[in-house]
Protein backbone atom coordinates (compact mmCIF):
# COMPACT_ATOMS: atom_id res chain seq x y z
CA MET A 1 -99.24 38.60 -65.16
CA LEU A 2 -100.51 38.57 -61.70
CA ASP A 3 -104.09 38.28 -63.19
CA ILE A 4 -103.30 35.22 -64.89
CA MET A 5 -101.58 33.57 -61.91
CA LEU A 6 -104.70 34.40 -59.73
CA ARG A 7 -107.22 33.21 -62.49
CA THR A 8 -105.17 29.98 -62.38
CA ALA A 9 -105.62 30.01 -58.63
CA TYR A 10 -109.11 30.35 -58.80
CA LEU A 11 -109.30 27.26 -61.63
CA LEU A 12 -107.23 25.05 -59.21
CA ALA A 13 -109.44 25.99 -56.23
CA ILE A 14 -112.46 25.15 -58.26
CA GLY A 15 -110.89 21.98 -59.85
CA LEU A 16 -109.53 20.78 -56.37
CA SER A 17 -113.17 21.54 -54.68
CA LEU A 18 -115.01 19.45 -57.44
CA TYR A 19 -112.29 16.96 -57.07
CA THR A 20 -112.85 16.71 -52.98
CA SER A 21 -116.56 16.86 -53.44
CA GLY A 22 -116.55 13.76 -55.85
CA TRP A 23 -114.37 11.76 -53.65
CA LEU A 24 -116.47 12.40 -50.78
CA ILE A 25 -119.61 11.46 -52.49
CA ILE A 26 -118.07 8.59 -54.27
CA LYS A 27 -115.71 6.75 -52.07
CA ALA A 28 -116.56 8.24 -48.47
CA ASP A 29 -119.17 6.96 -45.72
CA LYS A 30 -122.48 8.26 -46.44
CA ASN A 31 -123.50 10.29 -43.25
CA LYS A 32 -123.85 13.84 -42.21
CA THR A 33 -120.26 14.49 -41.57
CA THR A 34 -118.99 13.73 -44.86
CA GLY A 35 -122.18 15.49 -45.94
CA ALA A 36 -121.21 18.44 -44.19
CA LEU A 37 -117.59 18.71 -45.77
CA ALA A 38 -118.77 18.18 -49.32
CA VAL A 39 -121.30 20.97 -48.90
CA CYS A 40 -118.28 23.37 -47.78
CA GLN A 41 -116.64 22.37 -50.72
CA LEU A 42 -119.52 23.22 -53.01
CA LEU A 43 -119.97 26.63 -51.53
CA ILE A 44 -116.56 27.36 -52.24
CA ILE A 45 -117.23 26.45 -56.09
CA ILE A 46 -120.12 28.81 -55.96
CA TRP A 47 -117.63 31.65 -54.12
CA CYS A 48 -115.08 31.00 -56.54
CA ILE A 49 -117.10 31.20 -60.37
CA PRO A 50 -117.95 34.36 -60.63
CA GLN A 51 -114.67 35.61 -59.41
CA LEU A 52 -113.29 34.29 -62.45
CA PHE A 53 -115.09 36.92 -64.65
CA SER A 54 -114.64 39.86 -62.50
CA ALA A 55 -111.70 41.28 -64.50
CA LEU A 56 -113.76 40.93 -67.79
CA PRO A 57 -115.28 44.13 -69.17
CA MET A 58 -118.99 44.27 -67.46
CA ASN A 59 -121.39 46.95 -66.64
CA ARG A 60 -122.60 47.74 -62.76
CA GLY A 61 -125.90 45.20 -63.34
CA MET A 62 -123.45 42.24 -64.49
CA LYS A 63 -121.09 43.29 -61.48
CA TYR A 64 -123.43 43.22 -58.94
CA LEU A 65 -125.10 39.91 -60.15
CA ALA A 66 -121.78 38.37 -60.03
CA TYR A 67 -121.37 39.42 -56.27
CA VAL A 68 -124.69 38.07 -55.58
CA ILE A 69 -123.93 34.67 -56.79
CA SER A 70 -120.54 34.65 -55.10
CA TYR A 71 -121.72 35.74 -51.50
CA LEU A 72 -124.11 33.06 -51.82
CA GLY A 73 -121.08 30.96 -50.72
CA ILE A 74 -119.23 33.43 -48.64
CA SER A 75 -122.35 34.07 -46.53
CA PHE A 76 -122.75 30.11 -45.62
CA ILE A 77 -119.23 28.83 -45.51
CA GLY A 78 -119.07 29.90 -41.82
CA PRO A 79 -121.65 28.18 -40.30
CA ALA A 80 -121.31 25.36 -42.78
CA TRP A 81 -117.51 24.55 -41.59
CA LEU A 82 -118.55 25.11 -37.79
CA GLU A 83 -121.34 22.60 -38.37
CA PHE A 84 -118.73 20.07 -40.00
CA ALA A 85 -116.39 20.56 -37.30
CA PHE A 86 -118.94 19.91 -34.53
CA LEU A 87 -120.18 16.43 -36.52
CA TYR A 88 -116.45 15.26 -37.05
CA SER A 89 -116.02 15.66 -33.18
CA LYS A 90 -119.11 13.37 -32.71
CA ARG A 91 -120.96 16.46 -31.26
CA LYS A 92 -124.21 17.89 -32.45
CA LEU A 93 -125.26 21.33 -32.41
CA ASN A 94 -128.57 22.08 -30.99
CA HIS A 95 -131.74 22.90 -33.44
CA TRP A 96 -131.76 26.45 -32.25
CA ALA A 97 -128.32 26.82 -32.40
CA GLU A 98 -128.11 25.76 -36.15
CA SER A 99 -130.86 27.97 -36.81
CA LEU A 100 -129.32 30.79 -35.05
CA LEU A 101 -126.01 30.15 -37.22
CA PHE A 102 -127.47 29.73 -40.45
CA GLY A 103 -130.20 32.69 -39.58
CA ILE A 104 -127.39 35.10 -38.96
CA SER A 105 -125.89 34.36 -42.65
CA ALA A 106 -129.18 34.18 -43.99
CA VAL A 107 -129.67 37.89 -42.68
CA ASN A 108 -126.61 39.20 -43.96
CA TYR A 109 -127.24 37.75 -47.39
CA SER A 110 -130.64 39.15 -47.43
CA ILE A 111 -128.81 42.59 -46.65
CA LEU A 112 -126.62 42.20 -49.35
CA LEU A 113 -129.92 41.85 -51.67
CA THR A 114 -131.48 44.66 -50.64
CA ASN A 115 -128.26 46.93 -50.68
CA GLU A 116 -129.91 49.27 -53.08
CA TYR A 117 -132.48 50.52 -50.51
CA HIS A 118 -130.10 51.19 -47.12
CA HIS A 119 -126.22 50.83 -48.42
CA LEU A 120 -125.66 48.92 -45.45
CA PHE A 121 -123.29 45.98 -47.02
CA TYR A 122 -121.79 48.49 -49.76
CA ILE A 123 -121.74 52.16 -49.04
CA MET A 124 -120.75 52.24 -52.79
CA PHE A 125 -120.89 49.89 -55.48
CA GLU A 126 -119.81 50.97 -59.00
CA VAL A 127 -118.01 49.07 -61.77
CA GLU A 128 -114.63 50.96 -60.99
CA GLN A 129 -115.08 50.88 -57.02
CA VAL A 130 -116.88 49.23 -54.13
CA VAL A 131 -116.80 50.62 -50.71
CA TYR A 132 -117.92 48.39 -47.98
CA GLY A 133 -120.41 49.06 -45.49
CA PRO A 134 -120.53 48.16 -41.71
CA VAL A 135 -122.66 45.11 -42.49
CA PHE A 136 -120.12 43.65 -44.71
CA TYR A 137 -117.34 43.74 -41.94
CA ILE A 138 -119.56 42.18 -39.37
CA HIS A 139 -120.44 39.18 -42.15
CA MET A 140 -116.49 38.90 -42.66
CA ALA A 141 -116.06 38.98 -38.65
CA TYR A 142 -118.69 36.48 -37.90
CA THR A 143 -117.71 34.01 -41.21
CA TYR A 144 -114.03 34.12 -39.57
CA LEU A 145 -115.25 33.58 -36.14
CA CYS A 146 -117.02 30.24 -37.00
CA VAL A 147 -114.28 29.24 -38.68
CA LEU A 148 -112.07 29.97 -36.16
CA ALA A 149 -114.43 28.44 -33.62
CA GLY A 150 -114.48 25.13 -36.02
CA MET A 151 -111.07 24.80 -35.93
CA ALA A 152 -110.91 25.08 -32.13
CA VAL A 153 -113.29 22.37 -31.97
CA VAL A 154 -111.44 19.92 -33.98
CA LEU A 155 -107.95 20.95 -32.18
CA MET A 156 -109.76 20.04 -28.59
CA THR A 157 -110.93 16.81 -30.25
CA PHE A 158 -107.38 16.11 -31.57
CA LYS A 159 -105.97 17.02 -28.01
CA LYS A 160 -108.39 14.49 -26.42
CA ASN A 161 -107.60 11.61 -28.61
CA ARG A 162 -103.71 12.48 -28.56
CA VAL A 163 -103.13 13.42 -32.32
CA ALA A 164 -99.60 14.04 -33.22
CA LEU A 165 -98.39 17.83 -33.13
CA SER A 166 -97.82 17.49 -36.68
CA HIS A 167 -101.19 16.97 -37.44
CA MET A 168 -102.24 19.84 -34.97
CA ALA A 169 -99.97 22.38 -36.92
CA VAL A 170 -101.78 21.63 -40.32
CA ILE A 171 -104.96 22.52 -38.58
CA LEU A 172 -103.50 25.74 -37.49
CA LEU A 173 -101.92 26.40 -40.95
CA SER A 174 -105.36 25.58 -42.62
CA ALA A 175 -107.01 28.36 -40.94
CA ALA A 176 -104.01 30.74 -41.13
CA VAL A 177 -103.95 30.34 -44.70
CA PRO A 178 -107.54 31.98 -45.54
CA LEU A 179 -107.29 34.54 -43.05
CA GLY A 180 -103.83 35.75 -44.09
CA PHE A 181 -105.13 35.71 -48.06
CA ASN A 182 -107.86 37.72 -46.98
CA LEU A 183 -105.92 40.37 -44.74
CA LEU A 184 -104.01 40.82 -47.83
CA TYR A 185 -107.02 41.26 -49.98
CA MET A 186 -108.88 43.58 -47.54
CA THR A 187 -105.97 45.93 -46.57
CA GLY A 188 -105.12 46.36 -50.40
CA LEU A 189 -101.29 45.21 -49.99
CA VAL A 190 -102.23 42.85 -53.31
CA ARG A 191 -103.89 45.14 -55.82
CA SER A 192 -105.78 42.89 -57.73
CA GLY A 193 -109.68 42.70 -58.98
CA PHE A 194 -109.77 39.03 -57.24
CA ASP A 195 -110.46 38.00 -53.85
CA LEU A 196 -107.81 35.70 -52.81
CA THR A 197 -109.82 34.06 -50.09
CA PRO A 198 -111.82 31.69 -51.69
CA PRO A 199 -108.83 29.87 -53.20
CA ALA A 200 -107.32 29.99 -49.65
CA PHE A 201 -110.58 28.23 -48.47
CA ALA A 202 -109.95 25.54 -51.10
CA LEU A 203 -106.65 25.09 -50.03
CA SER A 204 -107.11 25.22 -46.21
CA SER A 205 -109.83 22.42 -46.78
CA ILE A 206 -107.69 20.38 -48.82
CA LEU A 207 -104.78 20.46 -46.37
CA MET A 208 -107.34 19.25 -43.69
CA LEU A 209 -108.57 16.30 -45.83
CA LEU A 210 -105.17 14.93 -46.98
CA ALA A 211 -103.18 15.45 -43.70
CA VAL A 212 -105.91 14.56 -41.18
CA PHE A 213 -108.87 13.24 -42.36
CA ARG A 214 -107.25 10.64 -44.95
CA TYR A 215 -109.04 7.89 -43.54
CA ASP A 216 -111.58 9.10 -41.53
CA PHE A 217 -113.99 9.83 -44.50
CA LEU A 218 -113.17 7.07 -46.96
CA ASP A 219 -115.56 4.05 -46.83
CA VAL A 220 -113.14 1.61 -45.40
CA ASN A 221 -115.91 -1.06 -44.95
CA THR A 222 -116.52 -1.20 -48.27
CA MET A 223 -113.10 -1.75 -49.11
CA ALA A 224 -112.43 -4.20 -46.32
CA TYR A 225 -115.53 -6.22 -47.33
CA GLU A 226 -114.28 -6.59 -51.21
CA GLN A 227 -110.91 -7.55 -49.99
CA ILE A 228 -112.08 -10.23 -47.30
CA PHE A 229 -114.55 -11.58 -49.95
CA ASP A 230 -111.59 -11.85 -52.29
CA THR A 231 -109.44 -13.95 -50.08
CA ILE A 232 -111.96 -16.18 -48.27
CA SER A 233 -112.36 -19.91 -49.52
CA GLU A 234 -116.53 -19.41 -49.51
CA GLY A 235 -117.80 -18.35 -53.00
CA VAL A 236 -119.91 -15.39 -52.70
CA VAL A 237 -122.31 -14.13 -55.67
CA VAL A 238 -124.64 -10.68 -55.68
CA TYR A 239 -127.36 -10.19 -58.16
CA ASN A 240 -129.88 -7.13 -58.43
CA GLN A 241 -133.29 -7.20 -59.39
CA ARG A 242 -132.58 -7.07 -63.11
CA GLY A 243 -130.72 -10.30 -62.72
CA LYS A 244 -127.35 -8.95 -63.25
CA ILE A 245 -124.25 -10.20 -61.37
CA THR A 246 -123.11 -7.05 -59.64
CA TYR A 247 -120.30 -8.94 -57.71
CA CYS A 248 -118.68 -12.15 -57.42
CA ASN A 249 -114.89 -13.01 -55.46
CA GLU A 250 -112.33 -15.00 -56.87
CA ALA A 251 -113.54 -18.30 -55.91
CA VAL A 252 -116.70 -18.09 -57.91
CA LYS A 253 -114.64 -16.96 -60.79
CA THR A 254 -112.14 -20.09 -60.19
CA TRP A 255 -114.96 -22.71 -59.74
CA PHE A 256 -117.47 -21.60 -62.46
CA GLY A 257 -115.93 -19.01 -64.73
CA LEU A 258 -118.63 -16.24 -63.57
CA ARG A 259 -117.67 -12.38 -64.02
CA ASN A 260 -119.17 -9.36 -62.83
CA GLY A 261 -122.01 -8.22 -65.21
CA ASP A 262 -122.93 -11.92 -66.19
CA GLU A 263 -126.70 -13.11 -66.41
CA ALA A 264 -127.93 -14.72 -63.29
CA LYS A 265 -129.45 -17.26 -65.39
CA GLU A 266 -126.07 -18.54 -66.34
CA MET A 267 -125.58 -19.37 -62.47
CA TRP A 268 -128.72 -20.93 -61.79
CA ASN A 269 -128.59 -23.05 -65.30
CA MET A 270 -125.18 -24.23 -63.96
CA LEU A 271 -126.88 -25.24 -60.49
CA LYS A 272 -129.77 -26.92 -62.25
CA ASP A 273 -127.31 -28.78 -64.33
CA ARG A 274 -125.78 -30.22 -61.05
CA GLY A 275 -129.31 -31.20 -59.39
CA ILE A 276 -129.93 -28.01 -57.37
CA ARG A 277 -133.14 -26.93 -57.23
CA VAL A 278 -133.78 -23.16 -57.25
CA ASP A 279 -136.68 -21.92 -55.88
CA GLY A 280 -136.12 -17.77 -56.65
CA GLU A 281 -134.94 -16.55 -59.73
CA PRO A 282 -134.29 -12.78 -60.25
CA GLY A 283 -136.37 -11.05 -62.63
CA THR A 284 -138.82 -13.92 -63.21
CA GLY A 285 -141.22 -13.12 -60.15
CA LEU A 286 -140.47 -16.40 -58.79
CA ARG A 287 -139.90 -16.75 -54.95
CA HIS A 288 -139.48 -19.40 -52.32
CA PRO A 289 -142.90 -21.11 -51.64
CA GLY A 290 -144.59 -19.74 -48.20
CA ILE A 291 -142.33 -16.43 -48.34
CA SER A 292 -144.16 -13.35 -48.03
CA ASP A 293 -143.02 -9.96 -49.61
CA THR A 294 -142.52 -8.78 -45.68
CA GLN A 295 -140.10 -11.56 -44.40
CA ASP A 296 -136.49 -11.92 -45.31
CA PRO A 297 -136.49 -15.19 -47.21
CA VAL A 298 -133.68 -17.37 -46.66
CA ALA A 299 -133.54 -20.50 -48.90
CA GLY A 300 -132.71 -24.24 -47.65
CA SER A 301 -128.92 -25.26 -48.16
CA THR A 302 -127.87 -28.26 -50.51
CA VAL A 303 -124.86 -29.69 -51.61
CA LEU A 304 -123.26 -30.13 -54.99
CA THR A 305 -120.35 -31.85 -56.22
CA LEU A 306 -117.67 -29.72 -58.31
CA ASP A 307 -115.03 -31.52 -60.37
CA ASP A 308 -111.92 -29.60 -59.57
CA GLY A 309 -109.24 -31.17 -61.21
CA HIS A 310 -108.15 -34.04 -59.52
CA GLU A 311 -110.55 -33.81 -56.80
CA LYS A 312 -114.11 -33.64 -56.25
CA ARG A 313 -115.05 -30.52 -54.38
CA LYS A 314 -118.20 -30.39 -52.52
CA LEU A 315 -120.04 -27.06 -51.76
CA GLU A 316 -122.86 -26.31 -49.93
CA VAL A 317 -125.29 -23.75 -51.59
CA LYS A 318 -127.17 -21.03 -49.73
CA HIS A 319 -129.79 -18.65 -51.40
CA TYR A 320 -130.50 -15.38 -49.49
CA ASN A 321 -132.98 -12.88 -50.88
CA CYS A 322 -132.31 -9.15 -49.90
CA CYS A 323 -135.48 -6.78 -49.01
CA ASP A 324 -135.79 -3.01 -48.62
CA LYS A 325 -137.76 -1.62 -45.79
CA LYS A 326 -141.09 -2.28 -47.46
CA GLY A 327 -140.15 -5.99 -47.98
CA LYS A 328 -139.77 -5.92 -51.57
CA ILE A 329 -137.01 -7.80 -53.36
CA VAL A 330 -134.36 -5.80 -54.58
CA ALA A 331 -131.44 -8.24 -54.49
CA GLY A 332 -130.03 -11.60 -54.05
CA THR A 333 -127.01 -13.38 -52.31
CA VAL A 334 -125.70 -16.99 -53.21
CA MET A 335 -123.03 -18.29 -51.26
CA PHE A 336 -120.97 -21.51 -51.63
CA SER A 337 -119.24 -22.82 -48.80
CA ASP A 338 -116.50 -25.63 -49.45
CA VAL A 339 -117.61 -28.26 -47.04
CA GLY A 340 -115.47 -31.18 -48.42
CA ARG A 341 -113.12 -31.03 -45.14
CA TYR A 342 -116.40 -31.80 -43.30
CA TYR A 343 -117.43 -34.72 -45.29
CA GLN A 344 -113.70 -35.93 -45.26
CA LEU A 345 -114.16 -35.83 -41.48
CA LEU A 346 -117.21 -37.30 -41.52
CA GLU A 347 -116.21 -40.23 -43.49
CA GLN A 348 -112.92 -40.23 -41.26
CA GLY A 349 -114.95 -40.50 -38.10
CA ARG A 350 -116.95 -43.65 -39.74
CA GLU A 351 -113.90 -45.16 -40.58
CA LEU A 352 -112.87 -44.37 -36.85
CA ALA A 353 -115.87 -45.82 -35.45
CA VAL A 354 -115.40 -49.04 -37.60
CA SER A 355 -111.89 -49.27 -36.52
CA ASN A 356 -113.05 -48.76 -32.87
CA GLN A 357 -115.56 -51.32 -32.87
CA LYS A 358 -113.09 -54.04 -34.40
CA LEU A 359 -110.89 -52.71 -31.67
CA ALA A 360 -113.26 -53.39 -29.03
CA ILE A 361 -114.36 -57.01 -30.39
CA GLU A 362 -110.51 -57.74 -30.40
CA GLN A 363 -110.11 -56.48 -26.88
CA GLU A 364 -113.00 -58.27 -25.55
CA ARG A 365 -111.83 -61.72 -27.78
CA ASN A 366 -108.28 -61.13 -25.99
CA ARG A 367 -109.89 -60.52 -22.56
CA ILE A 368 -111.97 -63.76 -22.63
CA ALA A 369 -109.07 -65.63 -23.97
CA GLN A 370 -106.77 -64.79 -21.11
CA GLU A 371 -109.41 -65.52 -18.69
CA VAL A 372 -110.11 -68.81 -20.22
CA HIS A 373 -106.47 -69.44 -20.39
CA ASP A 374 -105.98 -68.77 -16.54
CA THR A 375 -109.02 -70.68 -15.85
CA ALA A 376 -108.67 -73.56 -17.64
CA GLY A 377 -104.61 -73.51 -16.98
CA HIS A 378 -105.23 -73.30 -13.36
CA THR A 379 -107.88 -75.75 -12.93
CA LEU A 380 -106.35 -78.45 -15.22
CA THR A 381 -103.02 -78.03 -13.53
CA MET A 382 -104.58 -78.24 -10.10
CA ILE A 383 -106.54 -81.68 -11.11
CA ASN A 384 -103.50 -83.00 -12.42
CA SER A 385 -101.68 -82.58 -9.25
CA LEU A 386 -104.52 -84.34 -7.61
CA LEU A 387 -104.38 -86.78 -10.00
CA LYS A 388 -100.39 -87.15 -9.03
CA LEU A 389 -101.34 -87.48 -5.27
CA ILE A 390 -103.84 -90.31 -6.31
CA ARG A 391 -101.65 -92.26 -8.54
CA ILE A 392 -98.80 -91.95 -5.48
CA ASP A 393 -101.43 -93.01 -3.17
CA TYR A 394 -102.49 -96.24 -5.17
CA GLU A 395 -98.94 -97.12 -6.03
CA SER A 396 -97.76 -97.23 -2.52
CA GLY A 397 -100.69 -99.69 -1.69
CA GLY A 398 -102.72 -96.98 0.55
CA THR A 399 -106.02 -97.46 2.17
CA GLY A 400 -108.09 -95.17 -0.20
CA ALA A 401 -108.96 -92.76 2.18
CA GLY A 402 -106.70 -90.20 0.70
CA THR A 403 -107.98 -91.08 -2.49
CA GLY A 404 -111.47 -90.47 -2.15
CA GLU A 405 -110.63 -86.63 -0.61
CA TYR A 406 -108.53 -86.14 -3.70
CA LEU A 407 -111.08 -87.26 -6.13
CA SER A 408 -113.59 -85.00 -4.34
CA GLN A 409 -111.29 -81.89 -4.53
CA ALA A 410 -110.76 -82.65 -8.17
CA GLN A 411 -114.45 -82.82 -8.74
CA GLU A 412 -114.87 -79.39 -6.98
CA LEU A 413 -112.05 -77.91 -8.86
CA ALA A 414 -113.67 -79.16 -12.29
CA GLY A 415 -116.98 -77.72 -11.17
CA SER A 416 -115.47 -74.31 -9.92
CA GLY A 417 -113.40 -74.04 -13.21
CA ILE A 418 -116.67 -74.72 -15.39
CA ARG A 419 -118.44 -72.00 -13.51
CA GLN A 420 -115.49 -69.62 -14.06
CA LEU A 421 -115.27 -70.34 -17.66
CA ARG A 422 -119.04 -69.58 -17.80
CA CYS A 423 -118.48 -66.29 -16.18
CA SER A 424 -115.61 -65.09 -18.51
CA ILE A 425 -117.88 -65.78 -21.37
CA ASN A 426 -120.96 -64.07 -19.97
CA ASN A 427 -118.48 -61.07 -19.36
CA LEU A 428 -118.94 -61.45 -15.49
CA ARG A 429 -115.53 -60.93 -13.33
CA GLN A 430 -114.61 -63.64 -10.93
CA GLY A 431 -113.66 -61.55 -8.13
CA GLU A 432 -116.97 -59.91 -7.75
CA SER A 433 -118.02 -62.56 -5.83
CA TYR A 434 -115.78 -62.00 -3.03
CA GLY A 435 -116.37 -59.47 -0.16
CA LEU A 436 -112.68 -59.18 1.00
CA ILE A 437 -109.61 -59.78 -0.67
CA THR A 438 -108.35 -62.50 1.85
CA GLN A 439 -111.32 -64.57 1.52
CA GLY A 440 -110.24 -65.22 -2.20
CA VAL A 441 -106.55 -65.69 -1.16
CA TYR A 442 -107.43 -68.14 1.51
CA GLN A 443 -109.67 -70.27 -0.64
CA LEU A 444 -107.00 -70.31 -3.49
CA ALA A 445 -104.04 -71.25 -0.81
CA ALA A 446 -106.16 -74.08 0.68
CA SER A 447 -107.26 -75.68 -2.72
CA VAL A 448 -103.43 -76.27 -3.64
CA LYS A 449 -102.51 -79.60 -2.23
CA GLU A 450 -99.26 -80.45 -4.32
CA ILE A 451 -96.96 -77.83 -2.45
CA GLU A 452 -97.49 -76.04 0.73
CA VAL A 453 -98.58 -72.16 0.45
CA GLU A 454 -98.33 -70.02 3.55
CA VAL A 455 -100.28 -66.73 3.58
CA GLU A 456 -99.46 -63.93 5.79
CA ILE A 457 -101.54 -60.76 6.57
CA GLN A 458 -100.12 -57.52 7.25
CA GLY A 459 -102.52 -54.60 8.21
CA GLU A 460 -106.52 -54.54 8.11
CA ASP A 461 -108.39 -55.98 5.25
CA LYS A 462 -111.50 -53.90 4.99
CA GLN A 463 -114.26 -53.32 2.41
CA GLU A 464 -112.66 -50.27 0.83
CA TYR A 465 -110.15 -52.68 -0.87
CA SER A 466 -112.79 -55.38 -2.10
CA TYR A 467 -112.80 -53.67 -5.98
CA LEU A 468 -109.13 -55.09 -6.13
CA SER A 469 -110.27 -58.46 -5.15
CA PRO A 470 -110.53 -59.69 -8.73
CA VAL A 471 -106.84 -58.21 -9.41
CA VAL A 472 -105.37 -60.08 -6.62
CA TYR A 473 -107.26 -63.38 -7.05
CA GLU A 474 -106.26 -63.68 -10.84
CA SER A 475 -102.96 -62.93 -10.39
CA LEU A 476 -102.46 -65.36 -7.60
CA ARG A 477 -104.20 -68.08 -9.38
CA GLU A 478 -101.86 -67.62 -12.50
CA ALA A 479 -98.70 -67.45 -9.90
CA ILE A 480 -99.83 -70.78 -8.34
CA THR A 481 -100.35 -72.25 -11.65
CA ASN A 482 -96.91 -71.15 -12.89
CA CYS A 483 -95.33 -72.32 -10.01
CA LEU A 484 -96.88 -75.87 -10.12
CA LYS A 485 -96.03 -76.18 -14.03
CA TYR A 486 -92.33 -74.84 -14.17
CA ALA A 487 -91.14 -74.30 -10.72
CA GLU A 488 -90.63 -77.66 -9.18
CA ALA A 489 -91.45 -75.91 -5.89
CA THR A 490 -92.32 -77.51 -2.41
CA HIS A 491 -93.04 -74.24 -0.57
CA MET A 492 -94.83 -70.88 -1.58
CA ASP A 493 -95.02 -67.80 0.68
CA VAL A 494 -97.75 -65.01 -0.15
CA ILE A 495 -97.67 -61.71 2.03
CA LEU A 496 -100.46 -59.29 1.85
CA LYS A 497 -99.89 -55.57 3.21
CA PHE A 498 -102.59 -53.25 3.53
CA SER A 499 -101.59 -49.58 4.12
CA SER A 500 -102.49 -46.43 1.69
CA SER A 501 -102.03 -48.68 -1.03
CA LEU A 502 -101.85 -52.70 -1.32
CA ASN A 503 -98.74 -54.46 -1.51
CA PHE A 504 -98.99 -58.02 -2.76
CA TYR A 505 -95.66 -60.55 -2.48
CA ILE A 506 -95.71 -64.06 -3.92
CA PHE A 507 -92.27 -65.94 -3.61
CA ASP A 508 -91.48 -69.93 -3.90
CA ASN A 509 -88.59 -71.89 -3.42
CA GLY A 510 -88.61 -73.32 -6.84
CA GLN A 511 -85.48 -74.17 -9.12
CA GLY A 512 -85.77 -70.27 -10.56
CA CYS A 513 -84.50 -69.21 -13.94
CA SER A 514 -81.52 -67.20 -15.42
CA SER A 515 -83.85 -65.20 -17.72
CA ILE A 516 -87.65 -64.21 -17.33
CA GLU A 517 -89.83 -64.39 -20.70
CA GLU A 518 -93.50 -63.56 -20.10
CA GLY A 519 -95.86 -65.76 -21.58
CA ASN A 520 -99.34 -65.40 -21.42
CA GLY A 521 -99.61 -66.14 -17.58
CA LEU A 522 -97.51 -63.27 -16.29
CA SER A 523 -98.26 -60.83 -19.40
CA GLY A 524 -101.91 -61.56 -17.99
CA ILE A 525 -100.83 -60.44 -14.14
CA ARG A 526 -99.18 -57.26 -15.74
CA ARG A 527 -102.17 -56.21 -17.88
CA ARG A 528 -104.72 -56.56 -15.11
CA VAL A 529 -102.26 -54.75 -12.34
CA GLU A 530 -101.30 -52.06 -14.72
CA ARG A 531 -105.36 -51.49 -15.84
CA ALA A 532 -105.95 -50.97 -11.97
CA GLY A 533 -103.02 -48.41 -11.98
CA GLY A 534 -100.61 -50.47 -10.30
CA LYS A 535 -97.06 -51.85 -10.78
CA VAL A 536 -95.41 -55.46 -11.37
CA ARG A 537 -91.77 -56.67 -10.70
CA THR A 538 -90.55 -59.89 -11.13
CA ILE A 539 -87.10 -61.52 -9.95
CA SER A 540 -85.54 -64.67 -10.45
CA GLY A 541 -82.30 -66.43 -10.65
CA ILE A 542 -80.91 -69.93 -11.12
CA GLY A 543 -81.61 -71.73 -7.76
CA GLU A 544 -83.25 -68.85 -6.50
CA GLY A 545 -87.19 -69.50 -6.87
CA PHE A 546 -89.33 -66.76 -8.19
CA GLN A 547 -90.48 -63.81 -6.68
CA ILE A 548 -93.56 -61.54 -7.68
CA TYR A 549 -94.06 -57.89 -6.27
CA ILE A 550 -97.10 -56.28 -7.03
CA ASN A 551 -98.27 -52.53 -6.02
CA LEU A 552 -102.04 -51.61 -6.19
CA PRO A 553 -102.88 -47.86 -5.19
CA LEU A 554 -106.07 -47.28 -3.27
CA ARG A 555 -108.54 -45.04 -5.31
CA ASP A 556 -109.93 -42.22 -3.60
CA ARG A 557 -113.12 -42.43 -1.74
CA GLU A 558 -114.79 -39.75 -3.97
CA SER A 559 -113.88 -41.66 -7.27
CA ALA A 560 -114.85 -44.64 -5.84
């Protein structure tokens, strides 16, 4: 019964080692670390297989052959395991150290092969009895010394990386299991023709692989790339040199109905039907013009329109050739990028540019209309006032001296109004012709004859305020025009206060109004002031006249 259980243990050890080796070869990263662990598993398999036949009837020669084959795995398992431990710990043995480790194992194995001449490995080797010699014990001590040293290297790495204590316990257990089984076999506590050490080694390898290295050897890059490609919105197609599609992600499957294993020519035909020119097709010997074998060719990109239900999807197509180290094309990649959003934004940008152009035209039209309104309204109002004075002088039988002066002023106002209209049409600002603000204010005040306009200056007018001259001039002109048209006033006070900001006050003694409704004049004043960063406040009441308060900030010298 025990022999059956031990045979089962050997079969399980072989199966687990084969599975582990296959998993490492197929799914693990292709590097020296996984290669070293796979070699350890293969050595365990070589160790285990001859042991399955040890209980069968055999002569001395057959048994010796089984031992020779088995010890091929036993002799090199120790240094192979130590090599793996150093590689896993990101450390590498020197070439002389590797030569020494595997050289000792080779010497031990050669002593086994020549045992008939010196009997150092086996003092007695018969079918019924095997007596171990000194070299055998040296070999076993050396093997377990390598195993323990490898475990120590891994444990130090875990301690440095602060790995959990449970993982360290598994490492210690994986070292203790084969040692314990081997001691049971060597001391004769378990009497069987089977050596329990190989399945113990297999078990320890599986423990370490499952508990500690679950993801260290897994080729996570390949898994991550595949998952990423399946979730991105771009389409990806990879084909080999024989023209077979080896990979296409979900986007390509949805858009074109392609599948892994399809002919790449199907894809090329689809692209050609949509007007895409293909410079190189796999398996036809064609390539991109002007691209040599030693270059990594990348084709130009183009855009196709794909009917996708109710919308037309725009895809940018890029073709890449993949070359080996010799420059030979071995595969190709085609990428389909959804650029529909880009074209949508491009179209929106065009529409926005047209809208901005229309808005700029409308703003310029409104500006000219406002300036024409202000200029023409002020000029006509002033001329109308002068004509009233001329009529009064004429009806009163005056001498006509005042009439000539009034006519001269009216002519001057008409000429000034014409010039201002030309400036507005030619996009020239009226205030730019003034140096100081007070110059324009005094000029406007002097031009008013129908009412008295009194100007008071507080503070010193300087050149740094001159950029506000157009705002002050146009605002005062509009205020005077409104006063002459609606207020029935006889007096107007204009106060300019120069400080850290410019405060501008306009008061008249007209009839006032119960509610203020902003027409073109007042709204024009507000727009000009707010564009300059200022504020406007208007106050009026029945019999209280009309008051305008304007505050204009002084800009910094650096921004000026």
